[in-house]
C-alpha atoms as a PDB file:
ATOM      1  CA  UNK A   1      36.728 -82.761 143.961  1.00  0.00           C
ATOM      2  CA  UNK A   2      37.492 -79.199 145.060  1.00  0.00           C
ATOM      3  CA  UNK A   3      39.668 -76.565 143.484  1.00  0.00           C
ATOM      4  CA  UNK A   4      43.180 -77.784 142.771  1.00  0.00           C
ATOM      5  CA  UNK A   5      45.919 -75.905 144.558  1.00  0.00           C
ATOM      6  CA  UNK A   6      48.856 -74.411 142.715  1.00  0.00           C
ATOM      7  CA  UNK A   7      52.003 -76.536 142.648  1.00  0.00           C
ATOM      8  CA  UNK A   8      55.063 -74.417 143.268  1.00  0.00           C
ATOM      9  CA  UNK A   9      58.299 -75.117 141.393  1.00  0.00           C
ATOM     10  CA  UNK A  10      61.308 -75.923 143.558  1.00  0.00           C
ATOM     11  CA  UNK A  11      64.500 -74.227 142.378  1.00  0.00           C
ATOM     12  CA  UNK A  12      67.649 -76.298 142.579  1.00  0.00           C
ATOM     13  CA  UNK A  13      70.931 -75.263 144.165  1.00  0.00           C
ATOM     14  CA  UNK A  14      74.056 -77.320 143.411  1.00  0.00           C
ATOM     15  CA  UNK A  15      71.812 -80.043 141.943  1.00  0.00           C
ATOM     16  CA  UNK A  16      69.507 -80.348 144.971  1.00  0.00           C
ATOM     17  CA  UNK A  17      66.223 -78.745 145.967  1.00  0.00           C
ATOM     18  CA  UNK A  18      65.839 -77.018 149.312  1.00  0.00           C
ATOM     19  CA  UNK A  19      64.847 -79.162 152.300  1.00  0.00           C
ATOM     20  CA  UNK A  20      61.063 -79.481 152.184  1.00  0.00           C
ATOM     21  CA  UNK A  21      58.708 -79.986 155.133  1.00  0.00           C
ATOM     22  CA  UNK A  22      55.721 -81.534 153.363  1.00  0.00           C
ATOM     23  CA  UNK A  23      52.147 -82.015 154.391  1.00  0.00           C
ATOM     24  CA  UNK A  24      52.674 -85.611 155.518  1.00  0.00           C
ATOM     25  CA  UNK A  25      49.249 -86.789 154.327  1.00  0.00           C
ATOM     26  CA  UNK A  26      48.710 -85.075 150.987  1.00  0.00           C
ATOM     27  CA  UNK A  27      51.826 -83.677 149.336  1.00  0.00           C
ATOM     28  CA  UNK A  28      51.649 -83.138 145.563  1.00  0.00           C
ATOM     29  CA  UNK A  29      54.863 -83.059 143.517  1.00  0.00           C
ATOM     30  CA  UNK A  30      55.230 -82.420 139.805  1.00  0.00           C
ATOM     31  CA  UNK A  31      58.123 -84.268 138.205  1.00  0.00           C
ATOM     32  CA  UNK A  32      60.413 -82.075 136.133  1.00  0.00           C
ATOM     33  CA  UNK A  33      61.372 -85.015 133.893  1.00  0.00           C
ATOM     34  CA  UNK A  34      58.032 -86.612 133.079  1.00  0.00           C
ATOM     35  CA  UNK A  35      55.767 -83.634 133.790  1.00  0.00           C
ATOM     36  CA  UNK A  36      53.353 -85.827 135.769  1.00  0.00           C
ATOM     37  CA  UNK A  37      52.037 -84.851 139.183  1.00  0.00           C
ATOM     38  CA  UNK A  38      52.485 -87.356 141.989  1.00  0.00           C
ATOM     39  CA  UNK A  39      50.697 -87.595 145.352  1.00  0.00           C
ATOM     40  CA  UNK A  40      53.087 -88.558 148.178  1.00  0.00           C
ATOM     41  CA  UNK A  41      52.405 -89.681 151.730  1.00  0.00           C
ATOM     42  CA  UNK A  42      55.029 -89.881 154.470  1.00  0.00           C
ATOM     43  CA  UNK A  43      55.543 -91.541 157.816  1.00  0.00           C
ATOM     44  CA  UNK A  44      58.275 -90.943 160.364  1.00  0.00           C
ATOM     45  CA  UNK A  45      59.598 -93.726 162.517  1.00  0.00           C
ATOM     46  CA  UNK A  46      62.481 -94.987 164.594  1.00  0.00           C
ATOM     47  CA  UNK A  47      64.163 -98.253 163.613  1.00  0.00           C
ATOM     48  CA  UNK A  48      63.873-100.546 166.622  1.00  0.00           C
ATOM     49  CA  UNK A  49      65.486-103.695 165.231  1.00  0.00           C
ATOM     50  CA  UNK A  50      67.355-104.516 162.011  1.00  0.00           C
ATOM     51  CA  UNK A  51      68.906-107.631 160.487  1.00  0.00           C
ATOM     52  CA  UNK A  52      71.215-108.649 157.647  1.00  0.00           C
ATOM     53  CA  UNK A  53      68.378-109.153 155.126  1.00  0.00           C
ATOM     54  CA  UNK A  54      67.517-105.419 155.126  1.00  0.00           C
ATOM     55  CA  UNK A  55      64.321-106.071 157.048  1.00  0.00           C
ATOM     56  CA  UNK A  56      63.672-103.984 160.110  1.00  0.00           C
ATOM     57  CA  UNK A  57      61.075-103.167 162.699  1.00  0.00           C
ATOM     58  CA  UNK A  58      60.147 -99.608 163.419  1.00  0.00           C
ATOM     59  CA  UNK A  59      58.024 -97.610 165.788  1.00  0.00           C
ATOM     60  CA  UNK A  60      55.995 -94.879 164.089  1.00  0.00           C
ATOM     61  CA  UNK A  61      56.235 -91.392 165.558  1.00  0.00           C
ATOM     62  CA  UNK A  62      53.230 -89.058 165.852  1.00  0.00           C
ATOM     63  CA  UNK A  63      53.108 -86.528 163.015  1.00  0.00           C
ATOM     64  CA  UNK A  64      51.775 -83.931 165.442  1.00  0.00           C
ATOM     65  CA  UNK A  65      55.169 -83.869 167.183  1.00  0.00           C
ATOM     66  CA  UNK A  66      57.590 -85.030 164.456  1.00  0.00           C
ATOM     67  CA  UNK A  67      57.609 -83.911 160.816  1.00  0.00           C
ATOM     68  CA  UNK A  68      59.148 -85.649 157.804  1.00  0.00           C
ATOM     69  CA  UNK A  69      61.616 -83.753 155.628  1.00  0.00           C
ATOM     70  CA  UNK A  70      62.999 -84.527 152.201  1.00  0.00           C
ATOM     71  CA  UNK A  71      64.871 -82.960 149.349  1.00  0.00           C
ATOM     72  CA  UNK A  72      64.994 -83.881 145.680  1.00  0.00           C
ATOM     73  CA  UNK A  73      67.741 -84.465 143.146  1.00  0.00           C
ATOM     74  CA  UNK A  74      67.216 -85.778 139.631  1.00  0.00           C
ATOM     75  CA  UNK A  75      68.759 -89.211 139.057  1.00  0.00           C
ATOM     76  CA  UNK A  76      69.819 -88.766 135.429  1.00  0.00           C
ATOM     77  CA  UNK A  77      70.957 -92.355 134.796  1.00  0.00           C
ATOM     78  CA  UNK A  78      67.674 -93.800 136.121  1.00  0.00           C
ATOM     79  CA  UNK A  79      65.668 -91.255 134.125  1.00  0.00           C
ATOM     80  CA  UNK A  80      67.486 -92.201 130.892  1.00  0.00           C
ATOM     81  CA  UNK A  81      66.968 -95.885 131.617  1.00  0.00           C
ATOM     82  CA  UNK A  82      63.231 -95.409 132.260  1.00  0.00           C
ATOM     83  CA  UNK A  83      62.771 -93.342 129.096  1.00  0.00           C
ATOM     84  CA  UNK A  84      64.485 -96.008 126.935  1.00  0.00           C
ATOM     85  CA  UNK A  85      61.863 -98.574 127.945  1.00  0.00           C
END
């Protein structure tokens, strides 16, 4: 295992982080609630067929041409619920 890279804090604005364009294969996020670091992977796709049972088919898009984006907001009620357990 090589040298660990520094994880940068994301400031929040009106409760949300900025829009983030992650490394789709190896993005590391540190949770502000639990303090743990999490490794995330992303895919980008187009929904090609959906149905009433929330199942769908999708076609994956190449990450060389399309990039995932996300932003973060703390879900306080879910955090409280998880900490009670």
